Structure formats: C-alpha cells, structure tokens
Amino acid sequence: MSDAQTALRYAVRDDIRALAAYQVPDSSGMVKLDAMENPYQLPQDLRLALGQRLAQVTVNRYPAPRARALLEKLREVYAIPAPAEIMLGNGSDELISIIATACAKPGASLLSLAPSFVMYAMSAQLAQLNFIPVNLNNDYTLNLAATLAAIEQHQPAIIYISYPNNPTGSLYPVADIEALLQAAPGLVVLDEAYYAFAQHSFMPRLAEFPNMIVMRTVSKSGLAGLRLGYMAGHPAWIEQFDKVRPPYNVNVLTQEYALFALEHAEVLEAQAAVIRQERRRLLDSLSLLPGVTVWPSAGNFLLFRVPHARQVFEQLKTGKILVKYLGANPLMHDCLRVTVSSPEENALFVNALNAALKAAP
C-alpha cells in the first residue's frame, strides 16, 4: 500500500498539485471592502417575513429539477427575452465551470481580456483548455485590434467579456462588443455580474446574437451568501450545459430566499441606487488625495493606484480596513481595489487611506 504522498502523486494531475487554492482572507473584525459585497441587508420587516417563509420550506426533500417559480421571476424582473432559456448555478463560479467542461474539446481554447476575473483562467486550466489572455490597453480600455487578431489566430471555443470588467470597472464600447460577437467562432459569455451598478446590458439583444450567453449573479445585489448565479441564452446552449450541471445544484433555501428577494426587487434596486451615488462621492474623495490615481467605474468598486501600494495595503489592514491588493498582472502595478460601501464605511476607508499614504515611505 502506498503512502499518502506517493498515492497523491500517482493520482492527481501535476498542474493541480502545483496550484494554490483560492484564498479568502480572514475578515474578522475588519471593515470588509475587498469582495464587492453590498453592505445593506433586507429591512427588518422583510427579514421577519422571510424567516416565516423559509420555515415552510421542505428541506427533507430534494429541490425540483428546475426551479420554475424562480426562473419565471428572474425572467419577469430582469426582462429576459423569450425564447432565451435560463439556467441556475451555485454562484456564477459553477456556471463558469460548467461552460468550460462542456466546451473542453481536445486542443480547444478559452480567450479572456486581461486583467479580469481570475475564475476564467482557473476554469480553463481545470478543464484543460488553452487559456489565451489578451491584455487591455494601459488605460484599461479594450484593445480591439489585438483581441480580433487573437480570435483569428486561436479560434477560441469560449470568449469571456466581463461587462463591466473586474477589477478595472471598464464598460467597453457597445460597438467593440458587437465586433467580437461577430468575429467569434464559438461562444461569447458576457459576464454582467455588476449589472445593478452599470445599468447597461446585452440581455435585451440575446435573440440578435445566438452565440452569446449573458451571465449574472445576485451576489452583488445584497445576496452574496446565497451563492446564486444565472445565465440566459439560446435554448440550444442551455440544453448542452444542462447536461453538465450537477443535479440539485441550487438548494431549496437559496431558491426560496432568492424568490422572496425578487418579489421585493424594488428594495434591492434602492440599495443599488445608494451605492451608485456613493461611488461618485468616493471617486471624488479619492481624486483629492495626493498621489492617488483613480479610474471611473461602472461597478460597485473602484480601482486606484498609489505609491508603495503593498505597504499602503498592509497599513490599511493593520487599521482593520480590508481592500484588495492587485499585483499579479503588470498592468496592475501599485493598484488596489476597494468596494463602494455605506457612507460610514467609505468615510472610514478614506481617512485610513489618507493616514496610510502619509505613513508610507
């Protein structure tokens, strides 16, 4: 009988053993501004009503194969056009994994703009797809010529476009997205995770582009703990992805909670409106700090550059303010990303950042 390490080396792929697991930092006692979460809960009266509703859920039974009530509510609230079909996932991360698995023909490629959401590259590696990153311009705009050239050269099975882009906040020109959709030989996924804050969407145009999937999550709208993502597209795509989806992948409590929240969608939209207002105020505040370069954003976060970003990040962390340090991509040199939060937390962050800048070498 082999020991654990010998058996592991025999059984597990070399590239998996070389990977580091996705790290989520401990945020206990912190002002948590690193994960683009909505700082607001549902109002107290709705939480009480929700508790009564969830108490009636039959958790002793498996979920229905398709959560029809929730799917119909998503279509109604977010104007998902017919005949597009909708598929639910355990967060958009699962949907990304499902797409990669379904499209992982030998030698196939997945193309994404860079820097962007790390799970695109991760899903490519796990499914053994060739990952093709195409760098944005230095000002984080889309390099259309380079992207079209990469599509022509690599003929990717999947193209991911984060719209707006994480971590830059960029909302690319509609004409550029149209050009990529026209050039793509396979699937184009428009990841609209921050739709509530961008208020621009390709969802109404699903019928116009049969090679497009629009993917969203409820996480950024105040429901991050539910882990619920959804994607919509031509029924032919959803039919194939549904074969890869694990049965019962979205639990009954998540389904019922999300349905309840969507029945009160005006509350979620009012919270998003406050965050959009705060985004403008926070951008203005950061613009006034010496040494800070901040970029406009269509998401619920801001990307900014400061001298000695690593030291500033650590100083903020020491002061119980947690933001995201972005150093892996050369285009992100000395960059940090902060979630737009409540007025109180935004003020705490700006004051702490001002102090950290003064303390940096």
Protein backbone atom coordinates (compact mmCIF):
# COMPACT_ATOMS: atom_id res chain seq x y z
CA MET A 1 0.00 0.00 0.00
CA SER A 2 1.39 3.44 -1.00
CA ASP A 3 1.74 6.26 1.49
CA ALA A 4 -0.50 9.32 1.02
CA GLN A 5 2.03 11.44 -0.90
CA THR A 6 3.01 8.62 -3.25
CA ALA A 7 -0.62 7.82 -3.98
CA LEU A 8 -1.36 11.51 -4.44
CA ARG A 9 1.46 11.97 -6.95
CA TYR A 10 0.17 8.93 -8.84
CA ALA A 11 -3.46 10.04 -8.92
CA VAL A 12 -3.54 13.86 -9.06
CA ARG A 13 -2.55 15.87 -12.13
CA ASP A 14 0.78 17.66 -11.83
CA ASP A 15 -0.71 21.06 -12.69
CA ILE A 16 -3.35 20.67 -9.97
CA ARG A 17 -0.72 19.81 -7.36
CA ALA A 18 1.19 22.93 -8.38
CA LEU A 19 -1.86 25.18 -7.94
CA ALA A 20 -2.57 27.30 -4.89
CA ALA A 21 -6.15 27.15 -3.62
CA TYR A 22 -8.27 30.29 -4.00
CA GLN A 23 -7.52 32.34 -0.89
CA VAL A 24 -10.20 34.24 1.02
CA PRO A 25 -8.54 36.37 3.72
CA ASP A 26 -9.85 36.36 7.26
CA SER A 27 -12.05 39.44 7.67
CA SER A 28 -12.97 39.03 11.34
CA GLY A 29 -13.26 42.46 12.95
CA MET A 30 -12.47 44.21 9.66
CA VAL A 31 -14.25 46.85 7.61
CA LYS A 32 -14.56 44.44 4.69
CA LEU A 33 -14.09 46.25 1.40
CA ASP A 34 -12.33 43.59 -0.67
CA ALA A 35 -15.11 41.48 -2.23
CA MET A 36 -17.64 43.85 -3.85
CA GLU A 37 -20.40 42.97 -1.40
CA ASN A 38 -23.50 45.08 -0.80
CA PRO A 39 -23.25 46.46 2.78
CA TYR A 40 -27.03 46.50 3.27
CA GLN A 41 -29.32 43.71 4.46
CA LEU A 42 -33.03 43.46 3.76
CA PRO A 43 -35.13 45.69 6.07
CA GLN A 44 -36.10 44.16 9.41
CA ASP A 45 -39.77 43.63 8.50
CA LEU A 46 -38.81 41.74 5.36
CA ARG A 47 -36.29 39.62 7.25
CA LEU A 48 -39.03 38.62 9.71
CA ALA A 49 -41.39 37.72 6.86
CA LEU A 50 -38.58 35.84 5.15
CA GLY A 51 -37.91 33.79 8.27
CA GLN A 52 -41.52 32.66 8.35
CA ARG A 53 -41.37 31.80 4.66
CA LEU A 54 -38.17 29.77 4.94
CA ALA A 55 -39.62 27.85 7.89
CA GLN A 56 -42.13 26.33 5.47
CA VAL A 57 -39.50 25.02 3.04
CA THR A 58 -39.37 21.22 2.85
CA VAL A 59 -35.65 20.69 3.37
CA ASN A 60 -36.22 16.95 3.78
CA ARG A 61 -36.86 16.76 0.03
CA TYR A 62 -34.51 17.36 -2.88
CA PRO A 63 -35.02 20.53 -4.90
CA ALA A 64 -37.15 20.36 -8.02
CA PRO A 65 -35.02 19.65 -11.14
CA ARG A 66 -35.83 23.15 -12.41
CA ALA A 67 -36.87 25.93 -10.03
CA ARG A 68 -39.71 27.10 -12.26
CA ALA A 69 -41.09 29.80 -9.96
CA LEU A 70 -37.66 31.34 -9.53
CA LEU A 71 -36.85 31.10 -13.25
CA GLU A 72 -40.13 32.82 -14.13
CA LYS A 73 -39.47 35.56 -11.55
CA LEU A 74 -35.97 36.15 -12.91
CA ARG A 75 -37.41 36.47 -16.41
CA GLU A 76 -40.06 38.92 -15.21
CA VAL A 77 -37.84 41.13 -13.01
CA TYR A 78 -34.85 41.29 -15.34
CA ALA A 79 -36.76 41.28 -18.65
CA ILE A 80 -35.05 38.16 -20.01
CA PRO A 81 -36.49 37.85 -23.51
CA ALA A 82 -38.14 34.79 -24.95
CA PRO A 83 -37.19 32.39 -26.40
CA ALA A 84 -33.97 32.55 -24.35
CA GLU A 85 -33.68 29.84 -21.71
CA ILE A 86 -32.29 30.38 -18.20
CA MET A 87 -30.04 28.13 -16.12
CA LEU A 88 -29.19 28.48 -12.43
CA GLY A 89 -25.85 27.82 -10.81
CA ASN A 90 -24.34 27.62 -7.36
CA GLY A 91 -22.89 31.06 -7.89
CA SER A 92 -21.59 32.15 -11.28
CA ASP A 93 -18.40 30.23 -10.46
CA GLU A 94 -20.27 26.97 -11.04
CA LEU A 95 -21.69 28.25 -14.32
CA ILE A 96 -18.17 29.17 -15.48
CA SER A 97 -17.01 25.66 -14.61
CA ILE A 98 -19.97 24.08 -16.43
CA ILE A 99 -19.28 26.07 -19.60
CA ALA A 100 -15.60 25.10 -19.57
CA THR A 101 -16.39 21.42 -19.04
CA ALA A 102 -18.97 21.33 -21.83
CA CYS A 103 -16.66 23.05 -24.33
CA ALA A 104 -13.40 21.28 -23.45
CA LYS A 105 -12.72 19.59 -26.77
CA PRO A 106 -9.08 18.44 -27.14
CA GLY A 107 -6.96 21.43 -28.13
CA ALA A 108 -9.76 23.96 -27.60
CA SER A 109 -9.04 27.46 -26.26
CA LEU A 110 -10.69 29.93 -23.90
CA LEU A 111 -9.95 33.62 -24.50
CA SER A 112 -10.36 36.40 -21.99
CA LEU A 113 -9.32 40.01 -21.67
CA ALA A 114 -6.66 40.61 -19.03
CA PRO A 115 -6.68 41.56 -16.26
CA SER A 116 -10.12 40.20 -15.50
CA PHE A 117 -11.95 37.75 -13.23
CA VAL A 118 -9.49 35.04 -12.16
CA MET A 119 -12.02 32.20 -12.45
CA TYR A 120 -11.95 32.39 -16.26
CA ALA A 121 -8.31 31.31 -16.30
CA MET A 122 -8.86 28.86 -13.46
CA SER A 123 -11.76 27.16 -15.24
CA ALA A 124 -9.66 26.84 -18.38
CA GLN A 125 -6.86 25.13 -16.50
CA LEU A 126 -9.14 22.76 -14.61
CA ALA A 127 -10.89 21.74 -17.86
CA GLN A 128 -7.53 21.57 -19.71
CA LEU A 129 -8.45 24.28 -22.18
CA ASN A 130 -5.74 26.52 -23.60
CA PHE A 131 -6.07 29.91 -21.90
CA ILE A 132 -5.49 32.92 -24.16
CA PRO A 133 -5.25 36.26 -22.30
CA VAL A 134 -5.39 39.48 -24.31
CA ASN A 135 -4.09 42.48 -22.40
CA LEU A 136 -6.12 45.63 -22.11
CA ASN A 137 -4.54 48.94 -23.05
CA ASN A 138 -2.60 50.78 -20.35
CA ASP A 139 -5.68 52.89 -19.58
CA TYR A 140 -7.77 49.68 -19.20
CA THR A 141 -9.68 50.18 -22.43
CA LEU A 142 -10.23 47.24 -24.75
CA ASN A 143 -7.55 46.69 -27.39
CA LEU A 144 -9.94 45.74 -30.17
CA ALA A 145 -7.32 45.11 -32.85
CA ALA A 146 -5.29 42.79 -30.60
CA THR A 147 -8.40 40.94 -29.46
CA LEU A 148 -9.67 40.40 -33.00
CA ALA A 149 -6.20 39.20 -34.03
CA ALA A 150 -6.15 36.71 -31.13
CA ILE A 151 -9.60 35.42 -32.11
CA GLU A 152 -8.43 34.95 -35.69
CA GLN A 153 -5.26 33.15 -34.60
CA HIS A 154 -6.62 30.91 -31.83
CA GLN A 155 -10.27 30.39 -32.87
CA PRO A 156 -11.39 30.10 -29.22
CA ALA A 157 -14.31 27.91 -28.25
CA ILE A 158 -15.19 30.38 -25.46
CA ILE A 159 -14.63 34.12 -25.09
CA TYR A 160 -15.29 35.81 -21.74
CA ILE A 161 -16.03 39.52 -21.51
CA SER A 162 -16.60 40.92 -18.03
CA TYR A 163 -19.05 43.78 -18.60
CA PRO A 164 -18.16 45.92 -16.70
CA ASN A 165 -14.74 44.47 -16.10
CA ASN A 166 -13.47 43.30 -12.74
CA PRO A 167 -11.09 44.69 -11.44
CA THR A 168 -10.91 47.79 -13.63
CA GLY A 169 -14.56 48.85 -13.74
CA SER A 170 -14.31 49.39 -17.50
CA LEU A 171 -17.50 49.30 -19.55
CA TYR A 172 -16.34 48.62 -23.10
CA PRO A 173 -17.95 50.34 -26.11
CA VAL A 174 -21.00 48.56 -27.48
CA ALA A 175 -19.55 48.60 -31.00
CA ASP A 176 -16.43 46.76 -29.78
CA ILE A 177 -18.52 44.05 -28.12
CA GLU A 178 -20.56 43.70 -31.31
CA ALA A 179 -17.35 43.27 -33.32
CA LEU A 180 -16.17 40.48 -31.00
CA LEU A 181 -19.55 38.75 -31.22
CA GLN A 182 -19.39 38.87 -34.99
CA ALA A 183 -15.80 37.53 -35.08
CA ALA A 184 -16.23 34.72 -32.54
CA PRO A 185 -16.35 31.18 -33.97
CA GLY A 186 -17.90 29.79 -30.78
CA LEU A 187 -19.48 31.08 -27.59
CA VAL A 188 -19.18 34.61 -26.17
CA VAL A 189 -20.08 34.97 -22.50
CA LEU A 190 -21.00 38.47 -21.35
CA ASP A 191 -20.44 38.35 -17.59
CA GLU A 192 -22.74 41.06 -16.23
CA ALA A 193 -22.10 40.43 -12.54
CA TYR A 194 -22.25 44.20 -11.86
CA TYR A 195 -25.33 44.94 -13.93
CA ALA A 196 -27.13 46.57 -10.99
CA PHE A 197 -24.48 49.30 -10.93
CA ALA A 198 -23.65 49.56 -14.64
CA GLN A 199 -27.27 49.69 -15.89
CA HIS A 200 -26.08 48.66 -19.33
CA SER A 201 -26.80 45.18 -20.62
CA PHE A 202 -26.78 42.95 -23.67
CA MET A 203 -29.64 40.89 -22.21
CA PRO A 204 -32.28 42.51 -24.49
CA ARG A 205 -30.18 41.50 -27.52
CA LEU A 206 -29.95 37.76 -26.86
CA ALA A 207 -32.07 36.89 -29.91
CA GLU A 208 -29.81 39.03 -32.09
CA PHE A 209 -26.66 37.09 -31.14
CA PRO A 210 -27.32 33.33 -30.92
CA ASN A 211 -23.65 32.72 -29.97
CA MET A 212 -23.96 34.88 -26.82
CA ILE A 213 -24.70 33.93 -23.23
CA VAL A 214 -25.42 36.65 -20.66
CA MET A 215 -24.37 35.58 -17.17
CA ARG A 216 -25.23 37.33 -13.91
CA THR A 217 -25.17 36.78 -10.17
CA VAL A 218 -27.33 38.02 -7.32
CA SER A 219 -24.22 38.32 -5.12
CA LYS A 220 -23.54 41.99 -5.85
CA SER A 221 -27.17 42.93 -5.18
CA GLY A 222 -27.01 42.04 -1.49
CA LEU A 223 -27.41 38.26 -1.71
CA ALA A 224 -23.77 37.11 -1.81
CA GLY A 225 -24.33 34.49 0.86
CA LEU A 226 -26.93 32.70 -1.27
CA ARG A 227 -24.40 31.70 -3.96
CA LEU A 228 -26.83 32.02 -6.84
CA GLY A 229 -25.85 32.73 -10.41
CA TYR A 230 -27.85 32.50 -13.61
CA MET A 231 -27.21 32.62 -17.32
CA ALA A 232 -29.52 33.14 -20.27
CA GLY A 233 -29.09 32.33 -23.91
CA HIS A 234 -30.28 30.41 -26.93
CA PRO A 235 -32.05 27.19 -25.84
CA ALA A 236 -29.50 25.11 -27.78
CA TRP A 237 -26.68 26.31 -25.49
CA ILE A 238 -28.64 25.83 -22.28
CA GLU A 239 -29.65 22.32 -23.38
CA GLN A 240 -25.99 21.28 -23.63
CA PHE A 241 -24.89 22.99 -20.41
CA ASP A 242 -27.78 21.41 -18.54
CA LYS A 243 -26.23 18.00 -19.27
CA VAL A 244 -23.13 19.03 -17.30
CA ARG A 245 -24.98 20.72 -14.43
CA PRO A 246 -24.98 18.62 -11.27
CA PRO A 247 -28.49 17.55 -10.24
CA TYR A 248 -29.98 19.59 -7.41
CA ASN A 249 -27.16 22.13 -7.67
CA VAL A 250 -29.20 25.00 -6.16
CA ASN A 251 -30.65 24.17 -2.75
CA VAL A 252 -34.24 24.82 -1.72
CA LEU A 253 -33.40 27.54 0.83
CA THR A 254 -31.42 29.51 -1.75
CA GLN A 255 -34.25 29.17 -4.24
CA GLU A 256 -36.90 30.37 -1.79
CA TYR A 257 -34.77 33.21 -0.41
CA ALA A 258 -33.97 34.45 -3.92
CA LEU A 259 -37.62 34.23 -4.96
CA PHE A 260 -38.65 36.25 -1.90
CA ALA A 261 -35.97 38.88 -2.57
CA LEU A 262 -37.05 39.23 -6.20
CA GLU A 263 -40.63 39.73 -5.06
CA HIS A 264 -39.20 42.81 -3.34
CA ALA A 265 -36.81 43.78 -6.13
CA GLU A 266 -37.51 47.46 -5.56
CA VAL A 267 -35.64 47.18 -2.23
CA LEU A 268 -32.57 45.76 -3.97
CA GLU A 269 -32.72 48.46 -6.62
CA ALA A 270 -33.00 51.22 -4.00
CA GLN A 271 -29.87 49.85 -2.30
CA ALA A 272 -28.05 49.76 -5.66
CA ALA A 273 -29.05 53.38 -6.29
CA VAL A 274 -27.49 54.43 -2.98
CA ILE A 275 -24.30 52.58 -3.85
CA ARG A 276 -24.17 54.26 -7.27
CA GLN A 277 -24.41 57.65 -5.55
CA GLU A 278 -21.71 56.69 -3.08
CA ARG A 279 -19.48 55.53 -5.93
CA ARG A 280 -19.44 59.08 -7.30
CA ARG A 281 -18.70 60.57 -3.89
CA LEU A 282 -15.95 58.06 -3.14
CA LEU A 283 -14.32 58.65 -6.52
CA ASP A 284 -14.32 62.40 -5.87
CA SER A 285 -12.82 61.88 -2.41
CA LEU A 286 -10.03 59.65 -3.70
CA SER A 287 -9.29 62.09 -6.51
CA LEU A 288 -8.45 64.75 -3.92
CA LEU A 289 -5.84 62.65 -2.11
CA PRO A 290 -2.23 63.40 -3.11
CA GLY A 291 -0.56 60.61 -5.07
CA VAL A 292 -3.79 58.73 -5.80
CA THR A 293 -4.86 57.89 -9.36
CA VAL A 294 -8.41 56.54 -9.50
CA TRP A 295 -10.35 55.28 -12.50
CA PRO A 296 -14.08 55.71 -13.15
CA SER A 297 -16.04 52.51 -12.65
CA ALA A 298 -19.35 51.05 -13.76
CA GLY A 299 -19.24 48.50 -10.91
CA ASN A 300 -19.62 48.76 -7.15
CA PHE A 301 -15.87 49.15 -6.70
CA LEU A 302 -13.05 51.50 -7.64
CA LEU A 303 -9.57 50.73 -8.91
CA PHE A 304 -6.87 53.13 -7.77
CA ARG A 305 -3.09 53.38 -7.87
CA VAL A 306 -0.90 54.68 -5.06
CA PRO A 307 2.85 54.77 -4.48
CA HIS A 308 4.07 51.78 -2.45
CA ALA A 309 0.71 50.02 -2.76
CA ARG A 310 1.81 46.93 -0.84
CA GLN A 311 2.83 48.97 2.19
CA VAL A 312 -0.38 51.01 1.97
CA PHE A 313 -2.40 47.80 1.80
CA GLU A 314 -0.69 46.42 4.91
CA GLN A 315 -1.16 49.71 6.75
CA LEU A 316 -4.87 49.68 5.95
CA LYS A 317 -5.07 46.08 7.11
CA THR A 318 -3.37 46.97 10.38
CA GLY A 319 -6.06 49.63 10.79
CA LYS A 320 -8.77 46.98 10.26
CA ILE A 321 -9.61 48.10 6.71
CA LEU A 322 -9.51 45.24 4.18
CA VAL A 323 -9.20 46.09 0.48
CA LYS A 324 -7.82 44.07 -2.45
CA TYR A 325 -4.15 44.25 -3.42
CA LEU A 326 -3.67 43.66 -7.16
CA GLY A 327 -0.11 42.90 -8.12
CA ALA A 328 -0.07 39.77 -10.27
CA ASN A 329 -0.63 41.46 -13.65
CA PRO A 330 1.95 44.09 -14.68
CA LEU A 331 -0.90 46.38 -15.72
CA MET A 332 -1.97 46.37 -12.06
CA HIS A 333 1.33 47.64 -10.66
CA ASP A 334 0.74 49.53 -7.38
CA CYS A 335 -3.03 49.13 -7.72
CA LEU A 336 -5.64 48.48 -5.06
CA ARG A 337 -9.37 47.86 -5.42
CA VAL A 338 -11.97 49.00 -2.91
CA THR A 339 -15.65 48.10 -2.64
CA VAL A 340 -18.06 51.03 -2.60
CA SER A 341 -19.86 50.64 0.72
CA SER A 342 -22.06 52.66 3.04
CA PRO A 343 -21.27 56.36 3.66
CA GLU A 344 -19.89 55.49 7.11
CA GLU A 345 -17.55 52.74 5.86
CA ASN A 346 -16.47 54.80 2.86
CA ALA A 347 -15.50 57.66 5.20
CA LEU A 348 -13.55 55.28 7.45
CA PHE A 349 -11.69 53.99 4.40
CA VAL A 350 -10.81 57.44 3.01
CA ASN A 351 -9.49 58.61 6.38
CA ALA A 352 -7.48 55.41 6.83
CA LEU A 353 -6.08 55.64 3.30
CA ASN A 354 -5.05 59.26 3.86
CA ALA A 355 -3.20 58.22 7.02
CA ALA A 356 -1.60 55.22 5.29
CA LEU A 357 -0.36 57.39 2.42
CA LYS A 358 1.28 59.76 4.87
CA ALA A 359 2.91 56.83 6.72
CA ALA A 360 4.26 55.15 3.55
CA PRO A 361 7.93 55.68 2.63
